Amino acid sequence: MTNMNDKQLQQFFAEHKMDVADKGFSDKVIHRLPEKQRVPGLVWIFGIISTLVVIFSGNYYRVFRVFMAILDTLGWWILPVVSCTIAAAIVFAVASYERRQAIFR
């Protein structure tokens, strides 16, 4: 039944197809769009600034101790899980960024 409805719809739209004159409107709109600006992601900016603040404030040992305490509390098994999750997130981010760049070229 669905195939018959699909065929009828395709036939109907094929017979009643209307062409709208563009007269260059689409090209004008495309050329008036602003250029895509490349800005670094907010996550990367936050990560770099946080790292620099920790390094320059001299609190890197305290941060290391807190990190080790968290690992001791959760267990060392969490480290490979977290690192694999971070690696997957980085791969996904790079792939989606490259895909977006390929679309807008």
PDB file of N, CA and C in Angstrom:
ATOM      1  N   MET A   1       0.818  -1.190   0.000  1.00  0.00           N
ATOM      2  CA  MET A   1       0.000   0.000   0.000  1.00  0.00           C
ATOM      3  C   MET A   1       0.863   1.256   0.000  1.00  0.00           C
ATOM      4  N   THR A   2       1.941   1.215   0.758  1.00  0.00           N
ATOM      5  CA  THR A   2       2.809   2.382   0.835  1.00  0.00           C
ATOM      6  C   THR A   2       3.509   2.625  -0.491  1.00  0.00           C
ATOM      7  N   ASN A   3       3.945   1.567  -1.160  1.00  0.00           N
ATOM      8  CA  ASN A   3       4.596   1.726  -2.461  1.00  0.00           C
ATOM      9  C   ASN A   3       3.664   2.380  -3.467  1.00  0.00           C
ATOM     10  N   MET A   4       2.397   1.998  -3.435  1.00  0.00           N
ATOM     11  CA  MET A   4       1.425   2.574  -4.358  1.00  0.00           C
ATOM     12  C   MET A   4       1.239   4.060  -4.070  1.00  0.00           C
ATOM     13  N   ASN A   5       1.157   4.420  -2.793  1.00  0.00           N
ATOM     14  CA  ASN A   5       1.022   5.830  -2.430  1.00  0.00           C
ATOM     15  C   ASN A   5       2.259   6.617  -2.842  1.00  0.00           C
ATOM     16  N   ASP A   6       3.439   6.037  -2.632  1.00  0.00           N
ATOM     17  CA  ASP A   6       4.677   6.705  -3.022  1.00  0.00           C
ATOM     18  C   ASP A   6       4.726   6.928  -4.528  1.00  0.00           C
ATOM     19  N   LYS A   7       4.341   5.928  -5.281  1.00  0.00           N
ATOM     20  CA  LYS A   7       4.352   6.063  -6.742  1.00  0.00           C
ATOM     21  C   LYS A   7       3.357   7.116  -7.201  1.00  0.00           C
ATOM     22  N   GLN A   8       2.181   7.146  -6.569  1.00  0.00           N
ATOM     23  CA  GLN A   8       1.183   8.149  -6.936  1.00  0.00           C
ATOM     24  C   GLN A   8       1.677   9.551  -6.608  1.00  0.00           C
ATOM     25  N   LEU A   9       2.308   9.697  -5.449  1.00  0.00           N
ATOM     26  CA  LEU A   9       2.847  11.006  -5.077  1.00  0.00           C
ATOM     27  C   LEU A   9       3.945  11.441  -6.042  1.00  0.00           C
ATOM     28  N   GLN A  10       4.851  10.543  -6.373  1.00  0.00           N
ATOM     29  CA  GLN A  10       5.920  10.887  -7.307  1.00  0.00           C
ATOM     30  C   GLN A  10       5.357  11.266  -8.669  1.00  0.00           C
ATOM     31  N   GLN A  11       4.364  10.545  -9.117  1.00  0.00           N
ATOM     32  CA  GLN A  11       3.747  10.852 -10.409  1.00  0.00           C
ATOM     33  C   GLN A  11       3.044  12.206 -10.358  1.00  0.00           C
ATOM     34  N   PHE A  12       2.333  12.468  -9.273  1.00  0.00           N
ATOM     35  CA  PHE A  12       1.622  13.738  -9.139  1.00  0.00           C
ATOM     36  C   PHE A  12       2.592  14.915  -9.169  1.00  0.00           C
ATOM     37  N   PHE A  13       3.662  14.819  -8.372  1.00  0.00           N
ATOM     38  CA  PHE A  13       4.617  15.922  -8.317  1.00  0.00           C
ATOM     39  C   PHE A  13       5.410  16.052  -9.615  1.00  0.00           C
ATOM     40  N   ALA A  14       5.636  14.967 -10.314  1.00  0.00           N
ATOM     41  CA  ALA A  14       6.323  15.043 -11.607  1.00  0.00           C
ATOM     42  C   ALA A  14       5.456  15.765 -12.632  1.00  0.00           C
ATOM     43  N   GLU A  15       4.150  15.524 -12.584  1.00  0.00           N
ATOM     44  CA  GLU A  15       3.240  16.174 -13.538  1.00  0.00           C
ATOM     45  C   GLU A  15       2.997  17.641 -13.202  1.00  0.00           C
ATOM     46  N   HIS A  16       3.033  17.985 -11.936  1.00  0.00           N
ATOM     47  CA  HIS A  16       2.695  19.343 -11.511  1.00  0.00           C
ATOM     48  C   HIS A  16       3.924  20.123 -11.041  1.00  0.00           C
ATOM     49  N   LYS A  17       5.062  19.807 -11.596  1.00  0.00           N
ATOM     50  CA  LYS A  17       6.295  20.490 -11.218  1.00  0.00           C
ATOM     51  C   LYS A  17       6.270  21.924 -11.724  1.00  0.00           C
ATOM     52  N   MET A  18       6.643  22.858 -10.844  1.00  0.00           N
ATOM     53  CA  MET A  18       6.666  24.274 -11.219  1.00  0.00           C
ATOM     54  C   MET A  18       8.100  24.780 -11.110  1.00  0.00           C
ATOM     55  N   ASP A  19       8.563  25.462 -12.120  1.00  0.00           N
ATOM     56  CA  ASP A  19       9.885  26.074 -12.093  1.00  0.00           C
ATOM     57  C   ASP A  19       9.725  27.552 -11.766  1.00  0.00           C
ATOM     58  N   VAL A  20      10.466  27.997 -10.775  1.00  0.00           N
ATOM     59  CA  VAL A  20      10.436  29.398 -10.372  1.00  0.00           C
ATOM     60  C   VAL A  20      11.690  30.059 -10.929  1.00  0.00           C
ATOM     61  N   ALA A  21      11.505  31.194 -11.574  1.00  0.00           N
ATOM     62  CA  ALA A  21      12.639  31.907 -12.158  1.00  0.00           C
ATOM     63  C   ALA A  21      13.508  32.479 -11.045  1.00  0.00           C
ATOM     64  N   ASP A  22      14.774  32.151 -11.092  1.00  0.00           N
ATOM     65  CA  ASP A  22      15.704  32.599 -10.055  1.00  0.00           C
ATOM     66  C   ASP A  22      16.265  33.980 -10.376  1.00  0.00           C
ATOM     67  N   LYS A  23      16.570  34.214 -11.618  1.00  0.00           N
ATOM     68  CA  LYS A  23      17.119  35.488 -12.099  1.00  0.00           C
ATOM     69  C   LYS A  23      18.362  35.916 -11.314  1.00  0.00           C
ATOM     70  N   GLY A  24      19.180  34.964 -10.941  1.00  0.00           N
ATOM     71  CA  GLY A  24      20.439  35.278 -10.266  1.00  0.00           C
ATOM     72  C   GLY A  24      20.308  35.581  -8.786  1.00  0.00           C
ATOM     73  N   PHE A  25      19.135  35.390  -8.208  1.00  0.00           N
ATOM     74  CA  PHE A  25      18.929  35.713  -6.794  1.00  0.00           C
ATOM     75  C   PHE A  25      19.819  34.868  -5.886  1.00  0.00           C
ATOM     76  N   SER A  26      19.897  33.575  -6.149  1.00  0.00           N
ATOM     77  CA  SER A  26      20.704  32.679  -5.303  1.00  0.00           C
ATOM     78  C   SER A  26      22.175  33.073  -5.326  1.00  0.00           C
ATOM     79  N   ASP A  27      22.685  33.415  -6.509  1.00  0.00           N
ATOM     80  CA  ASP A  27      24.090  33.827  -6.607  1.00  0.00           C
ATOM     81  C   ASP A  27      24.341  35.113  -5.834  1.00  0.00           C
ATOM     82  N   LYS A  28      23.414  36.052  -5.902  1.00  0.00           N
ATOM     83  CA  LYS A  28      23.565  37.310  -5.164  1.00  0.00           C
ATOM     84  C   LYS A  28      23.592  37.056  -3.662  1.00  0.00           C
ATOM     85  N   VAL A  29      22.716  36.180  -3.202  1.00  0.00           N
ATOM     86  CA  VAL A  29      22.672  35.879  -1.767  1.00  0.00           C
ATOM     87  C   VAL A  29      23.965  35.210  -1.328  1.00  0.00           C
ATOM     88  N   ILE A  30      24.441  34.251  -2.096  1.00  0.00           N
ATOM     89  CA  ILE A  30      25.674  33.537  -1.748  1.00  0.00           C
ATOM     90  C   ILE A  30      26.857  34.497  -1.684  1.00  0.00           C
ATOM     91  N   HIS A  31      26.947  35.433  -2.612  1.00  0.00           N
ATOM     92  CA  HIS A  31      28.076  36.361  -2.641  1.00  0.00           C
ATOM     93  C   HIS A  31      27.991  37.410  -1.541  1.00  0.00           C
ATOM     94  N   ARG A  32      26.813  37.651  -0.995  1.00  0.00           N
ATOM     95  CA  ARG A  32      26.669  38.650   0.059  1.00  0.00           C
ATOM     96  C   ARG A  32      26.858  38.071   1.449  1.00  0.00           C
ATOM     97  N   LEU A  33      26.942  36.758   1.557  1.00  0.00           N
ATOM     98  CA  LEU A  33      27.154  36.143   2.860  1.00  0.00           C
ATOM     99  C   LEU A  33      28.540  36.509   3.383  1.00  0.00           C
ATOM    100  N   PRO A  34      28.672  36.734   4.692  1.00  0.00           N
ATOM    101  CA  PRO A  34      29.991  37.071   5.237  1.00  0.00           C
ATOM    102  C   PRO A  34      30.924  35.866   5.190  1.00  0.00           C
ATOM    103  N   GLU A  35      32.204  36.162   5.110  1.00  0.00           N
ATOM    104  CA  GLU A  35      33.206  35.104   5.108  1.00  0.00           C
ATOM    105  C   GLU A  35      33.206  34.393   6.456  1.00  0.00           C
ATOM    106  N   LYS A  36      33.445  33.109   6.428  1.00  0.00           N
ATOM    107  CA  LYS A  36      33.518  32.328   7.657  1.00  0.00           C
ATOM    108  C   LYS A  36      34.822  32.664   8.359  1.00  0.00           C
ATOM    109  N   GLN A  37      34.727  33.135   9.598  1.00  0.00           N
ATOM    110  CA  GLN A  37      35.922  33.494  10.347  1.00  0.00           C
ATOM    111  C   GLN A  37      36.362  32.312  11.191  1.00  0.00           C
ATOM    112  N   ARG A  38      37.648  32.116  11.202  1.00  0.00           N
ATOM    113  CA  ARG A  38      38.194  31.023  11.998  1.00  0.00           C
ATOM    114  C   ARG A  38      38.516  31.552  13.392  1.00  0.00           C
ATOM    115  N   VAL A  39      37.835  31.007  14.363  1.00  0.00           N
ATOM    116  CA  VAL A  39      38.101  31.363  15.754  1.00  0.00           C
ATOM    117  C   VAL A  39      38.347  30.072  16.520  1.00  0.00           C
ATOM    118  N   PRO A  40      39.323  30.089  17.408  1.00  0.00           N
ATOM    119  CA  PRO A  40      39.572  28.874  18.180  1.00  0.00           C
ATOM    120  C   PRO A  40      38.405  28.593  19.113  1.00  0.00           C
ATOM    121  N   GLY A  41      38.212  27.339  19.405  1.00  0.00           N
ATOM    122  CA  GLY A  41      37.111  26.945  20.273  1.00  0.00           C
ATOM    123  C   GLY A  41      37.292  27.459  21.689  1.00  0.00           C
ATOM    124  N   LEU A  42      36.191  27.726  22.337  1.00  0.00           N
ATOM    125  CA  LEU A  42      36.216  28.232  23.703  1.00  0.00           C
ATOM    126  C   LEU A  42      36.841  27.222  24.658  1.00  0.00           C
ATOM    127  N   VAL A  43      36.663  25.959  24.389  1.00  0.00           N
ATOM    128  CA  VAL A  43      37.240  24.926  25.255  1.00  0.00           C
ATOM    129  C   VAL A  43      38.760  24.981  25.213  1.00  0.00           C
ATOM    130  N   TRP A  44      39.326  25.144  24.010  1.00  0.00           N
ATOM    131  CA  TRP A  44      40.784  25.212  23.888  1.00  0.00           C
ATOM    132  C   TRP A  44      41.327  26.456  24.581  1.00  0.00           C
ATOM    133  N   ILE A  45      40.649  27.582  24.419  1.00  0.00           N
ATOM    134  CA  ILE A  45      41.094  28.822  25.069  1.00  0.00           C
ATOM    135  C   ILE A  45      41.078  28.644  26.587  1.00  0.00           C
ATOM    136  N   PHE A  46      39.980  28.101  27.111  1.00  0.00           N
ATOM    137  CA  PHE A  46      39.871  27.881  28.553  1.00  0.00           C
ATOM    138  C   PHE A  46      40.952  26.921  29.042  1.00  0.00           C
ATOM    139  N   GLY A  47      41.196  25.857  28.306  1.00  0.00           N
ATOM    140  CA  GLY A  47      42.218  24.894  28.704  1.00  0.00           C
ATOM    141  C   GLY A  47      43.615  25.493  28.731  1.00  0.00           C
ATOM    142  N   ILE A  48      43.945  26.277  27.721  1.00  0.00           N
ATOM    143  CA  ILE A  48      45.275  26.902  27.661  1.00  0.00           C
ATOM    144  C   ILE A  48      45.447  27.920  28.777  1.00  0.00           C
ATOM    145  N   ILE A  49      44.430  28.755  28.982  1.00  0.00           N
ATOM    146  CA  ILE A  49      44.516  29.766  30.041  1.00  0.00           C
ATOM    147  C   ILE A  49      44.622  29.095  31.409  1.00  0.00           C
ATOM    148  N   SER A  50      43.841  28.051  31.640  1.00  0.00           N
ATOM    149  CA  SER A  50      43.901  27.337  32.924  1.00  0.00           C
ATOM    150  C   SER A  50      45.281  26.726  33.144  1.00  0.00           C
ATOM    151  N   THR A  51      45.831  26.127  32.100  1.00  0.00           N
ATOM    152  CA  THR A  51      47.162  25.527  32.211  1.00  0.00           C
ATOM    153  C   THR A  51      48.215  26.585  32.524  1.00  0.00           C
ATOM    154  N   LEU A  52      48.149  27.719  31.843  1.00  0.00           N
ATOM    155  CA  LEU A  52      49.118  28.791  32.095  1.00  0.00           C
ATOM    156  C   LEU A  52      48.975  29.358  33.504  1.00  0.00           C
ATOM    157  N   VAL A  53      47.759  29.510  33.981  1.00  0.00           N
ATOM    158  CA  VAL A  53      47.550  30.018  35.341  1.00  0.00           C
ATOM    159  C   VAL A  53      48.138  29.055  36.363  1.00  0.00           C
ATOM    160  N   VAL A  54      47.919  27.764  36.169  1.00  0.00           N
ATOM    161  CA  VAL A  54      48.457  26.769  37.105  1.00  0.00           C
ATOM    162  C   VAL A  54      49.979  26.779  37.068  1.00  0.00           C
ATOM    163  N   ILE A  55      50.558  26.852  35.876  1.00  0.00           N
ATOM    164  CA  ILE A  55      52.024  26.824  35.757  1.00  0.00           C
ATOM    165  C   ILE A  55      52.647  28.076  36.363  1.00  0.00           C
ATOM    166  N   PHE A  56      52.117  29.251  36.007  1.00  0.00           N
ATOM    167  CA  PHE A  56      52.737  30.490  36.471  1.00  0.00           C
ATOM    168  C   PHE A  56      52.450  30.798  37.936  1.00  0.00           C
ATOM    169  N   SER A  57      51.401  30.244  38.484  1.00  0.00           N
ATOM    170  CA  SER A  57      51.119  30.495  39.900  1.00  0.00           C
ATOM    171  C   SER A  57      51.906  29.554  40.806  1.00  0.00           C
ATOM    172  N   GLY A  58      52.522  28.546  40.241  1.00  0.00           N
ATOM    173  CA  GLY A  58      53.322  27.621  41.032  1.00  0.00           C
ATOM    174  C   GLY A  58      52.489  26.583  41.761  1.00  0.00           C
ATOM    175  N   ASN A  59      51.239  26.450  41.397  1.00  0.00           N
ATOM    176  CA  ASN A  59      50.356  25.503  42.077  1.00  0.00           C
ATOM    177  C   ASN A  59      50.279  24.158  41.367  1.00  0.00           C
ATOM    178  N   TYR A  60      51.208  23.892  40.483  1.00  0.00           N
ATOM    179  CA  TYR A  60      51.128  22.653  39.721  1.00  0.00           C
ATOM    180  C   TYR A  60      51.281  21.430  40.618  1.00  0.00           C
ATOM    181  N   TYR A  61      52.074  21.537  41.703  1.00  0.00           N
ATOM    182  CA  TYR A  61      52.216  20.397  42.610  1.00  0.00           C
ATOM    183  C   TYR A  61      50.904  20.140  43.350  1.00  0.00           C
ATOM    184  N   ARG A  62      50.229  21.209  43.769  1.00  0.00           N
ATOM    185  CA  ARG A  62      48.944  21.062  44.452  1.00  0.00           C
ATOM    186  C   ARG A  62      47.907  20.441  43.512  1.00  0.00           C
ATOM    187  N   VAL A  63      47.889  20.873  42.259  1.00  0.00           N
ATOM    188  CA  VAL A  63      46.964  20.297  41.281  1.00  0.00           C
ATOM    189  C   VAL A  63      47.286  18.821  41.065  1.00  0.00           C
ATOM    190  N   PHE A  64      48.574  18.495  41.004  1.00  0.00           N
ATOM    191  CA  PHE A  64      48.983  17.100  40.843  1.00  0.00           C
ATOM    192  C   PHE A  64      48.516  16.254  42.026  1.00  0.00           C
ATOM    193  N   ARG A  65      48.658  16.784  43.252  1.00  0.00           N
ATOM    194  CA  ARG A  65      48.219  16.040  44.436  1.00  0.00           C
ATOM    195  C   ARG A  65      46.709  15.835  44.430  1.00  0.00           C
ATOM    196  N   VAL A  66      45.949  16.848  44.022  1.00  0.00           N
ATOM    197  CA  VAL A  66      44.491  16.704  43.947  1.00  0.00           C
ATOM    198  C   VAL A  66      44.129  15.654  42.905  1.00  0.00           C
ATOM    199  N   PHE A  67      44.794  15.696  41.762  1.00  0.00           N
ATOM    200  CA  PHE A  67      44.548  14.709  40.707  1.00  0.00           C
ATOM    201  C   PHE A  67      44.847  13.299  41.206  1.00  0.00           C
ATOM    202  N   MET A  68      45.950  13.129  41.919  1.00  0.00           N
ATOM    203  CA  MET A  68      46.305  11.811  42.445  1.00  0.00           C
ATOM    204  C   MET A  68      45.300  11.358  43.505  1.00  0.00           C
ATOM    205  N   ALA A  69      44.810  12.285  44.328  1.00  0.00           N
ATOM    206  CA  ALA A  69      43.805  11.930  45.333  1.00  0.00           C
ATOM    207  C   ALA A  69      42.509  11.476  44.668  1.00  0.00           C
ATOM    208  N   ILE A  70      42.140  12.144  43.585  1.00  0.00           N
ATOM    209  CA  ILE A  70      40.937  11.741  42.845  1.00  0.00           C
ATOM    210  C   ILE A  70      41.128  10.346  42.263  1.00  0.00           C
ATOM    211  N   LEU A  71      42.311  10.092  41.694  1.00  0.00           N
ATOM    212  CA  LEU A  71      42.581   8.761  41.142  1.00  0.00           C
ATOM    213  C   LEU A  71      42.565   7.689  42.222  1.00  0.00           C
ATOM    214  N   ASP A  72      43.109   8.003  43.410  1.00  0.00           N
ATOM    215  CA  ASP A  72      43.086   7.029  44.501  1.00  0.00           C
ATOM    216  C   ASP A  72      41.662   6.760  44.968  1.00  0.00           C
ATOM    217  N   THR A  73      40.834   7.801  44.967  1.00  0.00           N
ATOM    218  CA  THR A  73      39.450   7.637  45.408  1.00  0.00           C
ATOM    219  C   THR A  73      38.648   6.817  44.406  1.00  0.00           C
ATOM    220  N   LEU A  74      38.768   7.154  43.130  1.00  0.00           N
ATOM    221  CA  LEU A  74      37.991   6.466  42.101  1.00  0.00           C
ATOM    222  C   LEU A  74      38.584   5.115  41.737  1.00  0.00           C
ATOM    223  N   GLY A  75      39.859   5.004  41.883  1.00  0.00           N
ATOM    224  CA  GLY A  75      40.546   3.787  41.472  1.00  0.00           C
ATOM    225  C   GLY A  75      41.316   4.052  40.188  1.00  0.00           C
ATOM    226  N   TRP A  76      42.411   3.328  40.037  1.00  0.00           N
ATOM    227  CA  TRP A  76      43.280   3.562  38.883  1.00  0.00           C
ATOM    228  C   TRP A  76      42.686   3.044  37.587  1.00  0.00           C
ATOM    229  N   TRP A  77      41.643   2.240  37.663  1.00  0.00           N
ATOM    230  CA  TRP A  77      40.991   1.728  36.457  1.00  0.00           C
ATOM    231  C   TRP A  77      40.344   2.853  35.651  1.00  0.00           C
ATOM    232  N   ILE A  78      40.044   3.975  36.310  1.00  0.00           N
ATOM    233  CA  ILE A  78      39.347   5.069  35.626  1.00  0.00           C
ATOM    234  C   ILE A  78      40.270   5.792  34.636  1.00  0.00           C
ATOM    235  N   LEU A  79      41.583   5.719  34.852  1.00  0.00           N
ATOM    236  CA  LEU A  79      42.528   6.447  33.999  1.00  0.00           C
ATOM    237  C   LEU A  79      42.454   6.019  32.536  1.00  0.00           C
ATOM    238  N   PRO A  80      42.487   4.720  32.192  1.00  0.00           N
ATOM    239  CA  PRO A  80      42.356   4.361  30.775  1.00  0.00           C
ATOM    240  C   PRO A  80      40.993   4.725  30.197  1.00  0.00           C
ATOM    241  N   VAL A  81      39.954   4.634  31.023  1.00  0.00           N
ATOM    242  CA  VAL A  81      38.615   4.988  30.538  1.00  0.00           C
ATOM    243  C   VAL A  81      38.559   6.467  30.185  1.00  0.00           C
ATOM    244  N   VAL A  82      39.084   7.298  31.072  1.00  0.00           N
ATOM    245  CA  VAL A  82      39.070   8.744  30.832  1.00  0.00           C
ATOM    246  C   VAL A  82      39.951   9.094  29.644  1.00  0.00           C
ATOM    247  N   SER A  83      41.139   8.493  29.556  1.00  0.00           N
ATOM    248  CA  SER A  83      42.035   8.826  28.449  1.00  0.00           C
ATOM    249  C   SER A  83      41.451   8.382  27.112  1.00  0.00           C
ATOM    250  N   CYS A  84      40.786   7.225  27.075  1.00  0.00           N
ATOM    251  CA  CYS A  84      40.139   6.788  25.829  1.00  0.00           C
ATOM    252  C   CYS A  84      38.981   7.709  25.461  1.00  0.00           C
ATOM    253  N   THR A  85      38.242   8.166  26.461  1.00  0.00           N
ATOM    254  CA  THR A  85      37.138   9.092  26.209  1.00  0.00           C
ATOM    255  C   THR A  85      37.661  10.413  25.666  1.00  0.00           C
ATOM    256  N   ILE A  86      38.738  10.909  26.248  1.00  0.00           N
ATOM    257  CA  ILE A  86      39.330  12.161  25.771  1.00  0.00           C
ATOM    258  C   ILE A  86      39.863  11.986  24.354  1.00  0.00           C
ATOM    259  N   ALA A  87      40.525  10.871  24.080  1.00  0.00           N
ATOM    260  CA  ALA A  87      41.040  10.622  22.730  1.00  0.00           C
ATOM    261  C   ALA A  87      39.901  10.542  21.720  1.00  0.00           C
ATOM    262  N   ALA A  88      38.813   9.876  22.080  1.00  0.00           N
ATOM    263  CA  ALA A  88      37.662   9.788  21.176  1.00  0.00           C
ATOM    264  C   ALA A  88      37.043  11.159  20.945  1.00  0.00           C
ATOM    265  N   ALA A  89      36.977  11.979  21.987  1.00  0.00           N
ATOM    266  CA  ALA A  89      36.426  13.328  21.841  1.00  0.00           C
ATOM    267  C   ALA A  89      37.294  14.175  20.922  1.00  0.00           C
ATOM    268  N   ILE A  90      38.610  14.042  21.033  1.00  0.00           N
ATOM    269  CA  ILE A  90      39.512  14.802  20.165  1.00  0.00           C
ATOM    270  C   ILE A  90      39.359  14.349  18.719  1.00  0.00           C
ATOM    271  N   VAL A  91      39.304  13.048  18.492  1.00  0.00           N
ATOM    272  CA  VAL A  91      39.124  12.535  17.126  1.00  0.00           C
ATOM    273  C   VAL A  91      37.802  13.014  16.548  1.00  0.00           C
ATOM    274  N   PHE A  92      36.738  12.959  17.338  1.00  0.00           N
ATOM    275  CA  PHE A  92      35.425  13.418  16.878  1.00  0.00           C
ATOM    276  C   PHE A  92      35.446  14.911  16.564  1.00  0.00           C
ATOM    277  N   ALA A  93      36.094  15.708  17.417  1.00  0.00           N
ATOM    278  CA  ALA A  93      36.145  17.153  17.197  1.00  0.00           C
ATOM    279  C   ALA A  93      36.910  17.487  15.923  1.00  0.00           C
ATOM    280  N   VAL A  94      38.040  16.829  15.709  1.00  0.00           N
ATOM    281  CA  VAL A  94      38.834  17.091  14.501  1.00  0.00           C
ATOM    282  C   VAL A  94      38.072  16.657  13.255  1.00  0.00           C
ATOM    283  N   ALA A  95      37.423  15.505  13.318  1.00  0.00           N
ATOM    284  CA  ALA A  95      36.674  15.012  12.156  1.00  0.00           C
ATOM    285  C   ALA A  95      35.500  15.919  11.824  1.00  0.00           C
ATOM    286  N   SER A  96      34.779  16.375  12.842  1.00  0.00           N
ATOM    287  CA  SER A  96      33.635  17.251  12.569  1.00  0.00           C
ATOM    288  C   SER A  96      34.106  18.608  12.075  1.00  0.00           C
ATOM    289  N   TYR A  97      35.247  19.100  12.577  1.00  0.00           N
ATOM    290  CA  TYR A  97      35.787  20.377  12.107  1.00  0.00           C
ATOM    291  C   TYR A  97      36.196  20.272  10.640  1.00  0.00           C
ATOM    292  N   GLU A  98      36.877  19.188  10.283  1.00  0.00           N
ATOM    293  CA  GLU A  98      37.297  19.007   8.888  1.00  0.00           C
ATOM    294  C   GLU A  98      36.095  18.838   7.974  1.00  0.00           C
ATOM    295  N   ARG A  99      35.061  18.165   8.457  1.00  0.00           N
ATOM    296  CA  ARG A  99      33.846  17.978   7.654  1.00  0.00           C
ATOM    297  C   ARG A  99      33.164  19.321   7.411  1.00  0.00           C
ATOM    298  N   ARG A 100      33.078  20.143   8.468  1.00  0.00           N
ATOM    299  CA  ARG A 100      32.475  21.468   8.311  1.00  0.00           C
ATOM    300  C   ARG A 100      33.280  22.321   7.341  1.00  0.00           C
ATOM    301  N   GLN A 101      34.597  22.245   7.429  1.00  0.00           N
ATOM    302  CA  GLN A 101      35.436  23.032   6.531  1.00  0.00           C
ATOM    303  C   GLN A 101      35.254  22.575   5.093  1.00  0.00           C
ATOM    304  N   ALA A 102      35.104  21.266   4.878  1.00  0.00           N
ATOM    305  CA  ALA A 102      34.919  20.740   3.527  1.00  0.00           C
ATOM    306  C   ALA A 102      33.572  21.170   2.958  1.00  0.00           C
ATOM    307  N   ILE A 103      32.564  21.283   3.808  1.00  0.00           N
ATOM    308  CA  ILE A 103      31.237  21.689   3.335  1.00  0.00           C
ATOM    309  C   ILE A 103      31.247  23.139   2.886  1.00  0.00           C
ATOM    310  N   PHE A 104      31.926  24.012   3.624  1.00  0.00           N
ATOM    311  CA  PHE A 104      31.881  25.441   3.343  1.00  0.00           C
ATOM    312  C   PHE A 104      32.962  25.909   2.383  1.00  0.00           C
ATOM    313  N   ARG A 105      33.716  25.013   1.798  1.00  0.00           N
ATOM    314  CA  ARG A 105      34.745  25.431   0.832  1.00  0.00           C
ATOM    315  C   ARG A 105      34.146  25.641  -0.516  1.00  0.00           C
TER     316      ARG A 105
END
